[in-house]
């Protein structure tokens, strides 16, 4: 059982709707996306090293943290605010769409 402190500091994922939308388009990714969501909402991340202890393939580009989903067949891009413990999902892409790099403009620090 989690302590009150752990519960209050756990990551909040905003929004699960993007995961559901991606799973509707790519049903084969649903279980992996759900697993990512369950892992993430229980996390208490203070930095990228913390994320990598939980999800070792996570990487960063500018202000986005990039998560490999389903053996790198999909990529989930998110803004992670360590101070507020919020993860803002920006997009979920197939690996093929990810390699086109159109997502990068959403990640550039401003």
N, C-alpha and C. Protein backbone atom coordinates (compact mmCIF):
# COMPACT_ATOMS: atom_id res chain seq x y z
N UNK A 1 0.84 -1.19 0.00
CA UNK A 1 0.00 0.00 0.00
C UNK A 1 0.88 1.25 0.00
N UNK A 2 0.50 2.21 -0.81
CA UNK A 2 1.27 3.45 -0.92
C UNK A 2 0.95 4.39 0.24
N UNK A 3 1.96 5.11 0.69
CA UNK A 3 1.74 6.10 1.74
C UNK A 3 1.02 7.31 1.15
N UNK A 4 0.48 8.15 2.02
CA UNK A 4 -0.19 9.37 1.58
C UNK A 4 0.77 10.26 0.81
N UNK A 5 2.01 10.36 1.27
CA UNK A 5 3.03 11.18 0.59
C UNK A 5 3.28 10.66 -0.83
N UNK A 6 3.40 9.34 -0.98
CA UNK A 6 3.62 8.76 -2.31
C UNK A 6 2.43 9.02 -3.21
N UNK A 7 1.22 8.89 -2.69
CA UNK A 7 0.02 9.10 -3.47
C UNK A 7 -0.06 10.54 -3.95
N UNK A 8 0.25 11.48 -3.06
CA UNK A 8 0.16 12.88 -3.42
C UNK A 8 1.23 13.30 -4.42
N UNK A 9 2.36 12.62 -4.44
CA UNK A 9 3.43 13.03 -5.33
C UNK A 9 3.49 12.19 -6.61
N UNK A 10 2.59 11.23 -6.78
CA UNK A 10 2.61 10.40 -7.97
C UNK A 10 2.31 11.24 -9.21
N UNK A 11 2.84 10.81 -10.33
CA UNK A 11 2.67 11.52 -11.59
C UNK A 11 1.20 11.52 -12.01
N UNK A 12 0.78 12.65 -12.54
CA UNK A 12 -0.56 12.77 -13.11
C UNK A 12 -0.38 12.86 -14.63
N UNK A 13 -1.05 11.98 -15.36
CA UNK A 13 -0.95 11.95 -16.81
C UNK A 13 -2.08 12.77 -17.41
N UNK A 14 -1.72 13.71 -18.28
CA UNK A 14 -2.69 14.59 -18.92
C UNK A 14 -2.52 14.47 -20.43
N UNK A 15 -3.39 13.97 -21.11
CA UNK A 15 -4.62 13.32 -20.74
C UNK A 15 -4.60 11.89 -21.28
N UNK A 16 -5.36 11.05 -20.62
CA UNK A 16 -5.45 9.66 -21.06
C UNK A 16 -6.20 9.56 -22.39
N UNK A 17 -6.94 10.59 -22.73
CA UNK A 17 -7.70 10.61 -23.99
C UNK A 17 -6.78 10.35 -25.19
N UNK A 18 -5.59 10.93 -25.18
CA UNK A 18 -4.66 10.73 -26.31
C UNK A 18 -4.23 9.27 -26.42
N UNK A 19 -4.11 8.60 -25.29
CA UNK A 19 -3.76 7.17 -25.31
C UNK A 19 -4.91 6.37 -25.91
N UNK A 20 -6.13 6.69 -25.48
CA UNK A 20 -7.31 5.99 -26.00
C UNK A 20 -7.47 6.22 -27.51
N UNK A 21 -7.25 7.45 -27.95
CA UNK A 21 -7.35 7.76 -29.38
C UNK A 21 -6.31 6.97 -30.17
N UNK A 22 -5.09 6.90 -29.67
CA UNK A 22 -4.04 6.14 -30.35
C UNK A 22 -4.37 4.66 -30.37
N UNK A 23 -4.91 4.14 -29.28
CA UNK A 23 -5.29 2.73 -29.22
C UNK A 23 -6.43 2.42 -30.18
N UNK A 24 -7.33 3.37 -30.39
CA UNK A 24 -8.42 3.17 -31.36
C UNK A 24 -7.87 3.07 -32.79
N UNK A 25 -6.89 3.89 -33.08
CA UNK A 25 -6.28 3.89 -34.42
C UNK A 25 -5.35 2.69 -34.59
N UNK A 26 -4.64 2.31 -33.53
CA UNK A 26 -3.66 1.23 -33.57
C UNK A 26 -3.98 0.23 -32.45
N UNK A 27 -5.00 -0.61 -32.64
CA UNK A 27 -5.43 -1.53 -31.57
C UNK A 27 -4.33 -2.47 -31.08
N UNK A 28 -3.36 -2.77 -31.93
CA UNK A 28 -2.26 -3.65 -31.52
C UNK A 28 -1.36 -2.99 -30.47
N UNK A 29 -1.46 -1.69 -30.32
CA UNK A 29 -0.64 -0.97 -29.34
C UNK A 29 -1.38 -0.74 -28.02
N UNK A 30 -2.65 -1.11 -27.95
CA UNK A 30 -3.46 -0.81 -26.76
C UNK A 30 -2.85 -1.34 -25.47
N UNK A 31 -2.47 -2.59 -25.42
CA UNK A 31 -1.92 -3.18 -24.18
C UNK A 31 -0.63 -2.46 -23.76
N UNK A 32 0.23 -2.16 -24.72
CA UNK A 32 1.49 -1.48 -24.40
C UNK A 32 1.24 -0.05 -23.93
N UNK A 33 0.29 0.64 -24.54
CA UNK A 33 -0.05 2.00 -24.11
C UNK A 33 -0.67 1.98 -22.71
N UNK A 34 -1.53 1.02 -22.45
CA UNK A 34 -2.12 0.89 -21.12
C UNK A 34 -1.04 0.60 -20.07
N UNK A 35 -0.07 -0.24 -20.43
CA UNK A 35 1.03 -0.55 -19.50
C UNK A 35 1.83 0.72 -19.21
N UNK A 36 2.15 1.49 -20.25
CA UNK A 36 2.87 2.75 -20.05
C UNK A 36 2.09 3.65 -19.09
N UNK A 37 0.79 3.77 -19.31
CA UNK A 37 -0.06 4.63 -18.46
C UNK A 37 -0.03 4.16 -17.00
N UNK A 38 -0.21 2.86 -16.78
CA UNK A 38 -0.22 2.32 -15.41
C UNK A 38 1.13 2.56 -14.71
N UNK A 39 2.22 2.33 -15.42
CA UNK A 39 3.55 2.56 -14.86
C UNK A 39 3.76 4.03 -14.54
N UNK A 40 3.39 4.89 -15.48
CA UNK A 40 3.63 6.32 -15.34
C UNK A 40 2.82 6.92 -14.20
N UNK A 41 1.56 6.57 -14.08
CA UNK A 41 0.73 7.20 -13.05
C UNK A 41 1.15 6.79 -11.63
N UNK A 42 1.93 5.72 -11.50
CA UNK A 42 2.42 5.30 -10.18
C UNK A 42 3.82 5.85 -9.88
N UNK A 43 4.42 6.50 -10.86
CA UNK A 43 5.81 6.96 -10.73
C UNK A 43 5.90 8.23 -9.90
N UNK A 44 7.10 8.48 -9.43
CA UNK A 44 7.46 9.76 -8.80
C UNK A 44 8.83 10.12 -9.37
N UNK A 45 8.82 10.80 -10.49
CA UNK A 45 10.04 11.13 -11.21
C UNK A 45 10.52 12.52 -10.86
N UNK A 46 11.82 12.62 -10.59
CA UNK A 46 12.44 13.92 -10.31
C UNK A 46 13.34 14.38 -11.45
N UNK A 47 13.68 13.45 -12.36
CA UNK A 47 14.57 13.78 -13.47
C UNK A 47 14.57 12.62 -14.47
N UNK A 48 15.30 12.78 -15.56
CA UNK A 48 15.34 11.75 -16.60
C UNK A 48 15.93 10.45 -16.07
N UNK A 49 16.89 10.53 -15.17
CA UNK A 49 17.47 9.31 -14.60
C UNK A 49 16.41 8.49 -13.88
N UNK A 50 15.50 9.16 -13.18
CA UNK A 50 14.39 8.45 -12.52
C UNK A 50 13.50 7.76 -13.54
N UNK A 51 13.20 8.47 -14.63
CA UNK A 51 12.37 7.87 -15.68
C UNK A 51 13.06 6.63 -16.23
N UNK A 52 14.36 6.75 -16.50
CA UNK A 52 15.09 5.62 -17.09
C UNK A 52 15.23 4.42 -16.15
N UNK A 53 15.12 4.65 -14.86
CA UNK A 53 15.10 3.51 -13.93
C UNK A 53 13.81 2.70 -14.13
N UNK A 54 12.76 3.39 -14.49
CA UNK A 54 11.46 2.75 -14.70
C UNK A 54 11.29 2.32 -16.16
N UNK A 55 11.63 3.20 -17.07
CA UNK A 55 11.45 2.98 -18.51
C UNK A 55 12.78 3.30 -19.20
N UNK A 56 13.69 2.32 -19.25
CA UNK A 56 15.07 2.55 -19.69
C UNK A 56 15.26 3.15 -21.08
N UNK A 57 14.31 2.97 -21.97
CA UNK A 57 14.51 3.47 -23.34
C UNK A 57 14.06 4.92 -23.50
N UNK A 58 13.60 5.57 -22.45
CA UNK A 58 13.16 6.96 -22.56
C UNK A 58 14.32 7.85 -23.00
N UNK A 59 13.99 8.84 -23.80
CA UNK A 59 15.00 9.77 -24.29
C UNK A 59 14.40 11.17 -24.29
N UNK A 60 15.23 12.17 -24.51
CA UNK A 60 14.77 13.55 -24.50
C UNK A 60 15.19 14.25 -25.78
N UNK A 61 14.26 15.05 -26.30
CA UNK A 61 14.58 15.99 -27.38
C UNK A 61 13.96 17.32 -26.96
N UNK A 62 14.83 18.31 -26.73
CA UNK A 62 14.40 19.63 -26.27
C UNK A 62 13.49 19.47 -25.05
N UNK A 63 12.22 19.89 -25.13
CA UNK A 63 11.35 19.80 -23.95
C UNK A 63 10.48 18.56 -23.94
N UNK A 64 10.66 17.65 -24.89
CA UNK A 64 9.87 16.41 -24.93
C UNK A 64 10.67 15.23 -24.40
N UNK A 65 9.97 14.40 -23.66
CA UNK A 65 10.50 13.10 -23.29
C UNK A 65 9.84 12.11 -24.23
N UNK A 66 10.64 11.23 -24.82
CA UNK A 66 10.15 10.30 -25.83
C UNK A 66 10.23 8.89 -25.25
N UNK A 67 9.09 8.20 -25.31
CA UNK A 67 8.99 6.85 -24.78
C UNK A 67 8.76 5.87 -25.93
N UNK A 68 9.52 4.79 -25.94
CA UNK A 68 9.29 3.72 -26.90
C UNK A 68 8.12 2.89 -26.39
N UNK A 69 7.22 2.57 -27.29
CA UNK A 69 6.03 1.79 -26.96
C UNK A 69 5.99 0.56 -27.86
N UNK A 70 5.70 -0.55 -27.28
CA UNK A 70 5.56 -1.82 -28.01
C UNK A 70 6.80 -2.14 -28.84
N UNK A 71 7.91 -2.25 -28.12
CA UNK A 71 9.15 -2.63 -28.79
C UNK A 71 9.60 -1.66 -29.85
N UNK A 72 9.38 -0.37 -29.61
CA UNK A 72 9.83 0.68 -30.51
C UNK A 72 8.98 0.79 -31.78
N UNK A 73 7.83 0.14 -31.82
CA UNK A 73 6.94 0.28 -32.98
C UNK A 73 6.17 1.59 -32.94
N UNK A 74 6.06 2.17 -31.73
CA UNK A 74 5.36 3.43 -31.53
C UNK A 74 6.21 4.31 -30.63
N UNK A 75 5.96 5.62 -30.70
CA UNK A 75 6.64 6.57 -29.84
C UNK A 75 5.59 7.47 -29.21
N UNK A 76 5.75 7.68 -27.93
CA UNK A 76 4.88 8.59 -27.20
C UNK A 76 5.73 9.78 -26.80
N UNK A 77 5.32 10.97 -27.22
CA UNK A 77 6.03 12.20 -26.87
C UNK A 77 5.24 12.92 -25.79
N UNK A 78 5.95 13.37 -24.76
CA UNK A 78 5.28 14.05 -23.65
C UNK A 78 6.17 15.14 -23.09
N UNK A 79 5.53 16.13 -22.50
CA UNK A 79 6.23 17.13 -21.71
C UNK A 79 6.14 16.65 -20.28
N UNK A 80 7.25 16.54 -19.61
CA UNK A 80 7.27 16.10 -18.21
C UNK A 80 7.64 17.29 -17.34
N UNK A 81 6.75 17.62 -16.40
CA UNK A 81 7.03 18.67 -15.43
C UNK A 81 7.33 17.97 -14.11
N UNK A 82 8.60 17.90 -13.78
CA UNK A 82 9.02 17.18 -12.58
C UNK A 82 8.55 17.87 -11.30
N UNK A 83 8.48 19.18 -11.32
CA UNK A 83 8.08 19.93 -10.13
C UNK A 83 6.62 19.65 -9.77
N UNK A 84 5.74 19.65 -10.77
CA UNK A 84 4.31 19.43 -10.50
C UNK A 84 3.91 17.97 -10.62
N UNK A 85 4.85 17.12 -11.07
CA UNK A 85 4.58 15.69 -11.27
C UNK A 85 3.45 15.47 -12.27
N UNK A 86 3.51 16.22 -13.38
CA UNK A 86 2.53 16.08 -14.44
C UNK A 86 3.23 15.71 -15.74
N UNK A 87 2.61 14.79 -16.47
CA UNK A 87 3.09 14.38 -17.78
C UNK A 87 2.01 14.75 -18.79
N UNK A 88 2.36 15.64 -19.71
CA UNK A 88 1.43 16.11 -20.72
C UNK A 88 1.71 15.37 -22.03
N UNK A 89 0.84 14.45 -22.40
CA UNK A 89 1.04 13.69 -23.63
C UNK A 89 0.82 14.62 -24.81
N UNK A 90 1.81 14.69 -25.68
CA UNK A 90 1.73 15.54 -26.86
C UNK A 90 1.24 14.73 -28.06
N UNK A 91 1.79 13.53 -28.25
CA UNK A 91 1.36 12.70 -29.38
C UNK A 91 1.84 11.27 -29.20
N UNK A 92 1.16 10.40 -29.91
CA UNK A 92 1.56 8.99 -30.01
C UNK A 92 1.66 8.71 -31.51
N UNK A 93 2.84 8.30 -31.95
CA UNK A 93 3.09 8.11 -33.38
C UNK A 93 3.61 6.71 -33.66
N UNK A 94 3.37 6.25 -34.88
CA UNK A 94 4.05 5.03 -35.31
C UNK A 94 5.52 5.38 -35.48
N UNK A 95 6.36 4.38 -35.50
CA UNK A 95 7.79 4.63 -35.70
C UNK A 95 8.02 5.31 -37.05
N UNK A 96 7.26 4.90 -38.07
CA UNK A 96 7.41 5.50 -39.40
C UNK A 96 7.07 6.99 -39.37
N UNK A 97 5.99 7.37 -38.69
CA UNK A 97 5.64 8.79 -38.58
C UNK A 97 6.65 9.55 -37.74
N UNK A 98 7.15 8.92 -36.71
CA UNK A 98 8.16 9.53 -35.86
C UNK A 98 9.41 9.90 -36.66
N UNK A 99 9.84 9.01 -37.54
CA UNK A 99 11.07 9.27 -38.31
C UNK A 99 10.92 10.43 -39.29
N UNK A 100 9.71 10.85 -39.60
CA UNK A 100 9.49 12.01 -40.47
C UNK A 100 9.82 13.32 -39.75
N UNK A 101 9.91 13.26 -38.42
CA UNK A 101 10.34 14.37 -37.56
C UNK A 101 9.42 15.59 -37.57
N UNK A 102 8.18 15.45 -37.98
CA UNK A 102 7.24 16.58 -37.95
C UNK A 102 6.87 16.98 -36.52
N UNK A 103 7.05 16.07 -35.58
CA UNK A 103 6.72 16.30 -34.18
C UNK A 103 7.68 17.25 -33.48
N UNK A 104 8.86 17.44 -34.05
CA UNK A 104 9.91 18.19 -33.36
C UNK A 104 9.52 19.64 -33.04
N UNK A 105 8.73 20.28 -33.89
CA UNK A 105 8.36 21.67 -33.62
C UNK A 105 7.58 21.81 -32.33
N UNK A 106 6.88 20.76 -31.90
CA UNK A 106 6.12 20.79 -30.67
C UNK A 106 7.02 20.65 -29.44
N UNK A 107 8.26 20.27 -29.65
CA UNK A 107 9.17 19.99 -28.54
C UNK A 107 10.24 21.06 -28.34
N UNK A 108 10.33 21.99 -29.25
CA UNK A 108 11.39 23.00 -29.16
C UNK A 108 11.11 23.93 -28.00
N UNK A 109 12.10 24.10 -27.17
CA UNK A 109 11.97 24.98 -26.00
C UNK A 109 11.75 26.40 -26.45
N UNK A 110 10.89 27.08 -25.72
CA UNK A 110 10.59 28.44 -26.11
C UNK A 110 10.78 29.44 -25.04
